[in-house]
């Protein structure tokens, strides 16, 4: 690999590799030390193709979720099944992993701009900006960038577009699936909201068991299933369909609602 070789978005891969290494070393104990990450299904990662894979997940913090995914994916590719023990896996990270994030969030400061270089595909929110409700047309360039990222590698997205639980799936993800026909891998996470602050940068509480479940690829009829069909399939796959509320104790739902009020989530 040439020293100044770039990916399709102009990022120098040598710099990206070192950013992932540095962030990986800095964050490893957040998932194996201060807290514990229980992983299920990571053997699926090893058998995926190198490109056109879309990971869809529920969302609990701005950054801790996606950082955990970088750890789990790279550990799995190096042969570690359901484990991120021994951080040596981060020395040769997969460089064509991208994640979809709000442009407003990734431009909020120097640290987020640096983190964006590690793989962010930034998009403009169509429903919210600077804490206010808006209504804006989808930027076609955003969809093109996600498509280009899929052609180059793997893309992580949080189709609810918010860290609040049980919010509707946004149709943009279903359109991406219809148009680009990726392999869709659902991920269900938990415990991150209790472990970290809302941005996922500061450890809020230690000794939390975080869970990370990777599911089998979704079966999707790209040609015949409607956008609404795919949306519903995603809701069930990442366990965010309203029916899942029925199996959650009332006191836990109330606690989540109070937690959301106190945090005033923006994304």
Protein backbone atom coordinates (compact mmCIF):
# COMPACT_ATOMS: atom_id res chain seq x y z
CA UNK A 1 0.00 0.00 0.00
CA UNK A 2 1.45 3.35 -1.05
CA UNK A 3 2.09 5.83 1.73
CA UNK A 4 -0.36 8.34 0.28
CA UNK A 5 -2.95 5.97 -1.15
CA UNK A 6 -6.46 7.34 -0.63
CA UNK A 7 -9.96 5.92 -0.37
CA UNK A 8 -12.81 7.20 -2.59
CA UNK A 9 -13.44 10.09 -0.17
CA UNK A 10 -9.89 11.42 -0.31
CA UNK A 11 -8.78 10.08 3.09
CA UNK A 12 -5.16 8.94 3.21
CA UNK A 13 -5.28 5.30 4.28
CA UNK A 14 -1.98 5.45 6.16
CA UNK A 15 -3.38 8.22 8.39
CA UNK A 16 -6.70 6.44 8.77
CA UNK A 17 -4.93 3.26 9.87
CA UNK A 18 -3.02 5.13 12.58
CA UNK A 19 -6.15 6.92 13.77
CA UNK A 20 -7.97 3.60 14.17
CA UNK A 21 -4.96 2.13 15.99
CA UNK A 22 -4.74 5.09 18.38
CA UNK A 23 -8.47 5.27 19.07
CA UNK A 24 -8.56 1.49 19.44
CA UNK A 25 -5.86 1.49 22.13
CA UNK A 26 -7.43 4.47 23.90
CA UNK A 27 -10.92 2.91 24.04
CA UNK A 28 -10.26 -0.80 24.55
CA UNK A 29 -10.66 -0.76 28.34
CA UNK A 30 -14.07 0.89 27.99
CA UNK A 31 -15.35 -2.44 26.72
CA UNK A 32 -12.94 -4.82 28.44
CA UNK A 33 -11.91 -3.49 31.82
CA UNK A 34 -14.05 -0.63 33.10
CA UNK A 35 -17.05 -2.44 31.63
CA UNK A 36 -17.51 -5.81 29.94
CA UNK A 37 -18.75 -6.36 26.39
CA UNK A 38 -20.70 -9.57 25.86
CA UNK A 39 -20.57 -10.44 22.15
CA UNK A 40 -22.76 -12.93 20.31
CA UNK A 41 -22.67 -14.00 16.68
CA UNK A 42 -19.34 -12.51 15.63
CA UNK A 43 -18.48 -15.62 13.60
CA UNK A 44 -20.82 -14.13 10.97
CA UNK A 45 -18.35 -11.29 10.35
CA UNK A 46 -15.57 -13.60 9.19
CA UNK A 47 -17.65 -14.95 6.29
CA UNK A 48 -18.85 -11.64 4.84
CA UNK A 49 -17.64 -10.29 1.49
CA UNK A 50 -15.23 -7.36 1.49
CA UNK A 51 -17.74 -4.90 0.05
CA UNK A 52 -21.47 -4.05 -0.13
CA UNK A 53 -22.34 -4.99 3.44
CA UNK A 54 -24.70 -2.76 5.44
CA UNK A 55 -24.85 -3.08 9.22
CA UNK A 56 -28.06 -1.75 10.79
CA UNK A 57 -28.27 -1.21 14.52
CA UNK A 58 -30.23 0.44 17.28
CA UNK A 59 -28.45 3.48 18.69
CA UNK A 60 -27.63 4.39 22.30
CA UNK A 61 -24.78 6.94 22.23
CA UNK A 62 -23.23 9.14 19.54
CA UNK A 63 -19.83 7.42 19.38
CA UNK A 64 -19.43 4.50 21.84
CA UNK A 65 -21.69 2.29 19.71
CA UNK A 66 -19.70 2.64 16.51
CA UNK A 67 -16.33 2.42 18.31
CA UNK A 68 -17.43 -0.92 19.78
CA UNK A 69 -18.29 -2.07 16.25
CA UNK A 70 -14.80 -1.22 15.01
CA UNK A 71 -13.40 -3.33 17.87
CA UNK A 72 -15.72 -6.29 17.32
CA UNK A 73 -15.40 -6.33 13.53
CA UNK A 74 -11.60 -6.18 13.54
CA UNK A 75 -11.31 -8.74 16.35
CA UNK A 76 -13.62 -11.10 14.44
CA UNK A 77 -11.66 -10.69 11.21
CA UNK A 78 -8.47 -11.63 13.08
CA UNK A 79 -10.05 -14.87 14.29
CA UNK A 80 -11.39 -13.90 17.71
CA UNK A 81 -14.92 -15.28 18.09
CA UNK A 82 -17.16 -13.28 20.44
CA UNK A 83 -14.13 -11.69 22.09
CA UNK A 84 -12.02 -8.53 21.92
CA UNK A 85 -9.34 -9.98 24.19
CA UNK A 86 -5.79 -9.02 23.22
CA UNK A 87 -5.92 -5.73 21.33
CA UNK A 88 -3.33 -6.86 18.79
CA UNK A 89 -6.18 -7.17 16.28
CA UNK A 90 -6.26 -3.40 15.92
CA UNK A 91 -2.74 -3.26 14.41
CA UNK A 92 -4.02 -4.24 10.96
CA UNK A 93 -7.57 -2.86 10.92
CA UNK A 94 -10.01 -3.16 8.06
CA UNK A 95 -9.76 0.27 6.44
CA UNK A 96 -12.91 0.21 4.32
CA UNK A 97 -15.37 0.40 7.22
CA UNK A 98 -17.59 3.49 7.19
CA UNK A 99 -20.34 4.77 9.44
CA UNK A 100 -23.20 7.15 8.74
CA UNK A 101 -23.32 10.18 11.05
CA UNK A 102 -25.00 13.58 11.15
CA UNK A 103 -22.91 16.31 9.56
CA UNK A 104 -23.83 18.67 12.39
CA UNK A 105 -22.50 16.22 14.99
CA UNK A 106 -19.22 15.51 13.20
CA UNK A 107 -18.46 19.22 12.77
CA UNK A 108 -19.10 20.06 16.42
CA UNK A 109 -15.43 20.20 17.44
CA UNK A 110 -11.85 19.20 16.69
CA UNK A 111 -12.16 15.72 18.21
CA UNK A 112 -15.25 14.83 16.17
CA UNK A 113 -13.59 16.11 13.00
CA UNK A 114 -10.63 13.83 13.68
CA UNK A 115 -12.97 10.92 14.37
CA UNK A 116 -14.78 11.63 11.11
CA UNK A 117 -11.53 10.96 9.24
CA UNK A 118 -11.61 7.40 10.57
CA UNK A 119 -14.65 6.61 8.42
CA UNK A 120 -17.66 8.93 8.80
CA UNK A 121 -20.08 9.37 5.92
CA UNK A 122 -21.73 12.61 7.00
CA UNK A 123 -25.33 13.34 6.06
CA UNK A 124 -27.64 16.29 6.61
CA UNK A 125 -30.56 15.57 8.90
CA UNK A 126 -33.85 16.19 7.16
CA UNK A 127 -35.87 16.50 10.37
CA UNK A 128 -33.70 18.26 12.96
CA UNK A 129 -30.94 20.86 13.11
CA UNK A 130 -29.37 22.69 16.07
CA UNK A 131 -31.96 21.22 18.41
CA UNK A 132 -34.94 22.43 16.37
CA UNK A 133 -37.44 20.52 14.26
CA UNK A 134 -37.07 21.19 10.53
CA UNK A 135 -38.33 19.74 7.27
CA UNK A 136 -35.74 19.46 4.53
CA UNK A 137 -35.43 17.44 1.35
CA UNK A 138 -32.93 14.59 1.31
CA UNK A 139 -29.60 15.68 -0.15
CA UNK A 140 -28.99 13.35 -3.15
CA UNK A 141 -25.24 13.61 -2.58
CA UNK A 142 -25.64 11.97 0.82
CA UNK A 143 -27.26 8.91 -0.74
CA UNK A 144 -24.57 8.81 -3.43
CA UNK A 145 -21.83 8.90 -0.78
CA UNK A 146 -23.38 5.98 1.11
CA UNK A 147 -23.65 4.05 -2.15
CA UNK A 148 -20.00 4.77 -2.92
CA UNK A 149 -19.00 3.62 0.55
CA UNK A 150 -20.89 0.35 0.02
CA UNK A 151 -19.07 -0.19 -3.26
CA UNK A 152 -15.78 0.30 -1.42
CA UNK A 153 -16.54 -1.68 1.75
CA UNK A 154 -18.80 -1.96 4.78
CA UNK A 155 -21.19 0.69 6.09
CA UNK A 156 -22.65 1.01 9.59
CA UNK A 157 -25.92 2.91 9.94
CA UNK A 158 -28.43 3.61 12.70
CA UNK A 159 -31.72 3.73 10.79
CA UNK A 160 -33.71 5.40 13.55
CA UNK A 161 -31.45 8.44 13.32
CA UNK A 162 -31.70 8.98 17.07
CA UNK A 163 -30.50 7.45 20.32
CA UNK A 164 -34.04 7.44 21.74
CA UNK A 165 -35.39 3.87 21.88
CA UNK A 166 -38.38 2.68 19.86
CA UNK A 167 -38.44 5.62 17.49
CA UNK A 168 -39.56 4.88 13.89
CA UNK A 169 -37.13 3.63 11.28
CA UNK A 170 -36.45 6.33 8.70
CA UNK A 171 -37.20 5.31 5.13
CA UNK A 172 -33.86 6.49 3.78
CA UNK A 173 -32.19 3.28 4.91
CA UNK A 174 -34.81 1.19 3.11
CA UNK A 175 -34.21 3.18 -0.08
CA UNK A 176 -30.47 2.54 0.23
CA UNK A 177 -31.18 -1.19 0.57
CA UNK A 178 -33.51 -1.22 -2.45
CA UNK A 179 -31.11 0.73 -4.63
CA UNK A 180 -27.79 -0.90 -3.73
CA UNK A 181 -28.89 -4.42 -2.69
CA UNK A 182 -26.30 -4.90 0.09
CA UNK A 183 -26.06 -7.80 2.48
CA UNK A 184 -27.88 -6.44 5.55
CA UNK A 185 -26.59 -7.49 8.96
CA UNK A 186 -28.69 -6.48 12.00
CA UNK A 187 -26.98 -5.65 15.30
CA UNK A 188 -28.69 -5.21 18.66
CA UNK A 189 -26.79 -3.44 21.44
CA UNK A 190 -27.59 -2.66 25.05
CA UNK A 191 -25.85 -1.23 28.11
CA UNK A 192 -24.10 1.62 26.31
CA UNK A 193 -26.64 4.18 27.50
CA UNK A 194 -25.90 3.20 31.09
CA UNK A 195 -22.13 3.05 30.63
CA UNK A 196 -21.45 6.32 28.84
CA UNK A 197 -22.58 9.92 28.62
CA UNK A 198 -24.84 10.88 25.70
CA UNK A 199 -21.90 11.41 23.33
CA UNK A 200 -20.28 8.13 24.31
CA UNK A 201 -16.99 9.85 25.11
CA UNK A 202 -17.03 9.88 28.91
CA UNK A 203 -17.48 6.81 31.10
CA UNK A 204 -20.50 7.49 33.28
CA UNK A 205 -20.66 4.24 35.21
CA UNK A 206 -18.37 1.24 35.58
CA UNK A 207 -19.17 -2.43 35.97
CA UNK A 208 -21.93 -2.41 33.34
CA UNK A 209 -22.47 -5.50 31.21
CA UNK A 210 -22.78 -4.26 27.63
CA UNK A 211 -24.34 -6.61 25.09
CA UNK A 212 -23.58 -6.79 21.38
CA UNK A 213 -25.56 -9.27 19.27
CA UNK A 214 -24.82 -9.80 15.58
CA UNK A 215 -27.65 -11.51 13.71
CA UNK A 216 -27.80 -13.50 10.50
CA UNK A 217 -28.19 -11.52 7.24
CA UNK A 218 -31.74 -10.40 6.52
CA UNK A 219 -33.59 -12.15 3.71
CA UNK A 220 -34.78 -9.34 1.45
CA UNK A 221 -36.48 -9.50 -1.93
CA UNK A 222 -34.89 -6.34 -3.31
CA UNK A 223 -37.10 -6.23 -6.37
CA UNK A 224 -40.52 -7.03 -4.92
CA UNK A 225 -40.54 -5.91 -1.29
CA UNK A 226 -41.81 -2.38 -0.73
CA UNK A 227 -40.06 0.33 1.25
CA UNK A 228 -42.65 -0.19 4.01
CA UNK A 229 -41.95 -3.94 4.04
CA UNK A 230 -38.22 -3.34 4.46
CA UNK A 231 -38.81 -0.73 7.17
CA UNK A 232 -40.90 -3.20 9.16
CA UNK A 233 -38.30 -5.91 8.67
CA UNK A 234 -35.60 -3.58 10.02
CA UNK A 235 -37.74 -2.65 13.04
CA UNK A 236 -38.05 -6.28 14.05
CA UNK A 237 -34.43 -7.13 13.23
CA UNK A 238 -32.95 -4.46 15.52
CA UNK A 239 -35.71 -5.06 18.08
CA UNK A 240 -37.18 -1.58 17.87
CA UNK A 241 -40.68 -2.49 16.69
CA UNK A 242 -43.34 -1.25 19.18
CA UNK A 243 -44.31 -4.86 19.92
CA UNK A 244 -41.02 -5.28 21.82
CA UNK A 245 -42.29 -2.79 24.37
CA UNK A 246 -44.72 -5.43 25.62
CA UNK A 247 -41.92 -7.58 26.99
CA UNK A 248 -40.09 -4.78 28.80
CA UNK A 249 -41.09 -4.19 32.43
CA UNK A 250 -43.04 -0.98 32.98
CA UNK A 251 -40.52 0.32 35.50
CA UNK A 252 -37.69 -0.08 32.97
CA UNK A 253 -39.65 1.85 30.33
CA UNK A 254 -40.29 4.63 32.83
CA UNK A 255 -36.59 4.73 33.72
CA UNK A 256 -35.66 5.01 30.04
CA UNK A 257 -38.10 7.87 29.54
CA UNK A 258 -36.72 9.76 32.53
CA UNK A 259 -33.19 9.15 31.28
CA UNK A 260 -34.07 10.54 27.86
CA UNK A 261 -35.63 13.66 29.39
CA UNK A 262 -32.55 14.36 31.45
CA UNK A 263 -30.17 13.90 28.53
CA UNK A 264 -32.08 15.88 25.91
CA UNK A 265 -30.77 13.85 23.00
CA UNK A 266 -30.05 15.77 19.82
CA UNK A 267 -29.25 12.89 17.48
